[in-house]
Amino acid sequence: MIKISSITALGFLVLIVASPFFGVFSEWKEIILMISGLLIISLSLFIRKELHKVIRIVHRASESKSDTYVENNPQ
């Protein structure tokens, strides 16, 4: 949950920095935006890896683990 909140906070940071009302030199704006973009990319990759782990666990739990033998003999 912390990663998702971090992505939201970085999105708001990008929104504020990219606005024309933010009084910082354009070089600093570009640096802040690039670092924020890299952080968003890395956090989204971590979330994707965790999602794959959860999906694998759910699929393993839903599999039927019964060992039954059924013989079909037409009579």
Protein backbone atom coordinates (compact mmCIF):
# COMPACT_ATOMS: atom_id res chain seq x y z
CA MET A 1 0.00 0.00 0.00
CA ILE A 2 2.93 2.32 0.66
CA LYS A 3 4.11 1.92 -2.93
CA ILE A 4 0.73 2.91 -4.33
CA SER A 5 0.62 5.98 -2.08
CA SER A 6 4.14 6.87 -3.18
CA ILE A 7 3.11 6.75 -6.83
CA THR A 8 0.15 9.03 -6.08
CA ALA A 9 2.39 11.49 -4.21
CA LEU A 10 4.90 11.49 -7.06
CA GLY A 11 2.06 12.16 -9.49
CA PHE A 12 1.04 15.22 -7.50
CA LEU A 13 4.69 16.35 -7.40
CA VAL A 14 4.91 16.07 -11.18
CA LEU A 15 1.66 18.01 -11.50
CA ILE A 16 2.92 20.84 -9.29
CA VAL A 17 6.42 21.00 -10.80
CA ALA A 18 5.13 20.96 -14.37
CA SER A 19 2.74 23.87 -13.74
CA PRO A 20 3.85 27.33 -14.89
CA PHE A 21 3.19 28.72 -11.40
CA PHE A 22 6.05 26.77 -9.80
CA GLY A 23 8.89 29.30 -9.57
CA VAL A 24 12.01 27.18 -10.10
CA PHE A 25 14.56 27.28 -12.90
CA SER A 26 13.68 25.09 -15.85
CA GLU A 27 16.82 22.97 -15.38
CA TRP A 28 15.74 22.08 -11.85
CA LYS A 29 12.22 21.32 -13.08
CA GLU A 30 13.62 18.89 -15.64
CA ILE A 31 15.79 17.17 -13.03
CA ILE A 32 12.87 16.83 -10.59
CA LEU A 33 10.61 15.48 -13.33
CA MET A 34 13.19 12.93 -14.51
CA ILE A 35 13.86 11.64 -10.99
CA SER A 36 10.11 11.44 -10.31
CA GLY A 37 9.60 9.53 -13.54
CA LEU A 38 12.31 7.02 -12.68
CA LEU A 39 10.84 6.50 -9.21
CA ILE A 40 7.37 5.95 -10.65
CA ILE A 41 8.74 3.40 -13.12
CA SER A 42 10.62 1.47 -10.42
CA LEU A 43 7.68 1.48 -8.00
CA SER A 44 5.30 0.27 -10.71
CA LEU A 45 7.68 -2.60 -11.56
CA PHE A 46 7.83 -3.62 -7.88
CA ILE A 47 4.04 -3.57 -7.69
CA ARG A 48 3.82 -5.67 -10.86
CA LYS A 49 6.20 -8.30 -9.40
CA GLU A 50 4.14 -8.48 -6.21
CA LEU A 51 0.94 -8.84 -8.23
CA HIS A 52 2.41 -11.78 -10.15
CA LYS A 53 3.35 -13.47 -6.87
CA VAL A 54 -0.17 -13.02 -5.51
CA ILE A 55 -1.75 -14.33 -8.71
CA ARG A 56 0.45 -17.44 -8.60
CA ILE A 57 -0.50 -18.07 -4.97
CA VAL A 58 -4.21 -17.67 -5.74
CA HIS A 59 -4.03 -20.04 -8.71
CA ARG A 60 -2.21 -22.67 -6.67
CA ALA A 61 -4.80 -22.47 -3.90
CA SER A 62 -7.71 -22.82 -6.32
CA GLU A 63 -6.40 -26.01 -7.91
CA SER A 64 -8.12 -29.19 -6.85
CA LYS A 65 -5.64 -31.46 -5.12
CA SER A 66 -7.74 -34.64 -4.95
CA ASP A 67 -6.32 -37.92 -6.13
CA THR A 68 -9.30 -39.87 -7.30
CA TYR A 69 -9.56 -42.61 -9.84
CA VAL A 70 -12.73 -43.12 -11.78
CA GLU A 71 -13.12 -46.10 -14.05
CA ASN A 72 -15.73 -45.94 -16.74
CA ASN A 73 -17.05 -49.36 -17.66
CA PRO A 74 -20.04 -49.38 -19.96
CA GLN A 75 -22.56 -52.00 -18.86
